[in-house]
Amino acid sequence: MGTSITTWENVSAYFTFADSPTMLVLFSIGVAAIVVGLVGSIMKHEKEAFKNHK
């Protein structure tokens, strides 16, 4: 595999939020909200499509 990383010194510089638990939690909550919104939107669309098909 080709990679430009040759040493693990100062590796935290490669991971933006790795040293900040608060940011990790906020990021996780944001991702969860997006997933829940997407699933809800898909469910709404499918219910309407099924109702219009009858």
C-alpha atoms as a PDB file:
ATOM      1  CA  MET A   1       0.000   0.000   0.000  1.00  0.00           C
ATOM      2  CA  GLY A   2       1.284   3.434  -0.820  1.00  0.00           C
ATOM      3  CA  THR A   3       1.249   5.864   2.069  1.00  0.00           C
ATOM      4  CA  SER A   4       3.101   9.037   2.894  1.00  0.00           C
ATOM      5  CA  ILE A   5       3.156   8.268   6.645  1.00  0.00           C
ATOM      6  CA  THR A   6       6.625   7.084   7.599  1.00  0.00           C
ATOM      7  CA  THR A   7       6.462   7.569  11.375  1.00  0.00           C
ATOM      8  CA  TRP A   8       3.806   7.579  14.089  1.00  0.00           C
ATOM      9  CA  GLU A   9       5.205  10.657  15.846  1.00  0.00           C
ATOM     10  CA  ASN A  10       2.614  13.436  16.236  1.00  0.00           C
ATOM     11  CA  VAL A  11      -0.038  11.163  14.756  1.00  0.00           C
ATOM     12  CA  SER A  12      -2.797  13.206  16.435  1.00  0.00           C
ATOM     13  CA  ALA A  13      -2.234  15.799  13.715  1.00  0.00           C
ATOM     14  CA  TYR A  14      -3.752  13.353  11.213  1.00  0.00           C
ATOM     15  CA  PHE A  15      -6.962  12.854  13.192  1.00  0.00           C
ATOM     16  CA  THR A  16      -8.759  16.155  13.627  1.00  0.00           C
ATOM     17  CA  PHE A  17     -11.019  15.243  16.582  1.00  0.00           C
ATOM     18  CA  ALA A  18      -9.092  12.300  18.036  1.00  0.00           C
ATOM     19  CA  ASP A  19      -8.042  14.187  21.166  1.00  0.00           C
ATOM     20  CA  SER A  20     -11.381  15.930  21.805  1.00  0.00           C
ATOM     21  CA  PRO A  21     -14.133  13.741  23.287  1.00  0.00           C
ATOM     22  CA  THR A  22     -16.620  16.623  23.104  1.00  0.00           C
ATOM     23  CA  MET A  23     -16.138  17.008  19.364  1.00  0.00           C
ATOM     24  CA  LEU A  24     -16.368  13.233  18.871  1.00  0.00           C
ATOM     25  CA  VAL A  25     -19.709  13.174  20.712  1.00  0.00           C
ATOM     26  CA  LEU A  26     -21.048  16.158  18.737  1.00  0.00           C
ATOM     27  CA  PHE A  27     -19.915  14.586  15.475  1.00  0.00           C
ATOM     28  CA  SER A  28     -21.555  11.272  16.431  1.00  0.00           C
ATOM     29  CA  ILE A  29     -24.810  13.019  17.356  1.00  0.00           C
ATOM     30  CA  GLY A  30     -24.752  14.865  14.034  1.00  0.00           C
ATOM     31  CA  VAL A  31     -24.212  11.662  12.082  1.00  0.00           C
ATOM     32  CA  ALA A  32     -26.984   9.912  14.028  1.00  0.00           C
ATOM     33  CA  ALA A  33     -29.375  12.820  13.315  1.00  0.00           C
ATOM     34  CA  ILE A  34     -28.598  12.635   9.600  1.00  0.00           C
ATOM     35  CA  VAL A  35     -29.216   8.866   9.541  1.00  0.00           C
ATOM     36  CA  VAL A  36     -32.487   9.151  11.479  1.00  0.00           C
ATOM     37  CA  GLY A  37     -33.658  11.970   9.197  1.00  0.00           C
ATOM     38  CA  LEU A  38     -32.773   9.981   6.108  1.00  0.00           C
ATOM     39  CA  VAL A  39     -34.571   6.853   7.320  1.00  0.00           C
ATOM     40  CA  GLY A  40     -37.633   8.939   8.282  1.00  0.00           C
ATOM     41  CA  SER A  41     -37.661  10.593   4.872  1.00  0.00           C
ATOM     42  CA  ILE A  42     -37.432   7.233   3.108  1.00  0.00           C
ATOM     43  CA  MET A  43     -40.253   5.803   5.248  1.00  0.00           C
ATOM     44  CA  LYS A  44     -42.482   8.795   4.469  1.00  0.00           C
ATOM     45  CA  HIS A  45     -41.801   8.488   0.746  1.00  0.00           C
ATOM     46  CA  GLU A  46     -42.500   4.753   0.717  1.00  0.00           C
ATOM     47  CA  LYS A  47     -45.778   5.137   2.623  1.00  0.00           C
ATOM     48  CA  GLU A  48     -46.978   7.827   0.194  1.00  0.00           C
ATOM     49  CA  ALA A  49     -45.886   5.813  -2.840  1.00  0.00           C
ATOM     50  CA  PHE A  50     -47.674   2.708  -1.552  1.00  0.00           C
ATOM     51  CA  LYS A  51     -50.852   4.716  -0.796  1.00  0.00           C
ATOM     52  CA  ASN A  52     -50.836   6.263  -4.302  1.00  0.00           C
ATOM     53  CA  HIS A  53     -50.316   2.843  -5.902  1.00  0.00           C
ATOM     54  CA  LYS A  54     -53.577   1.408  -4.511  1.00  0.00           C
END
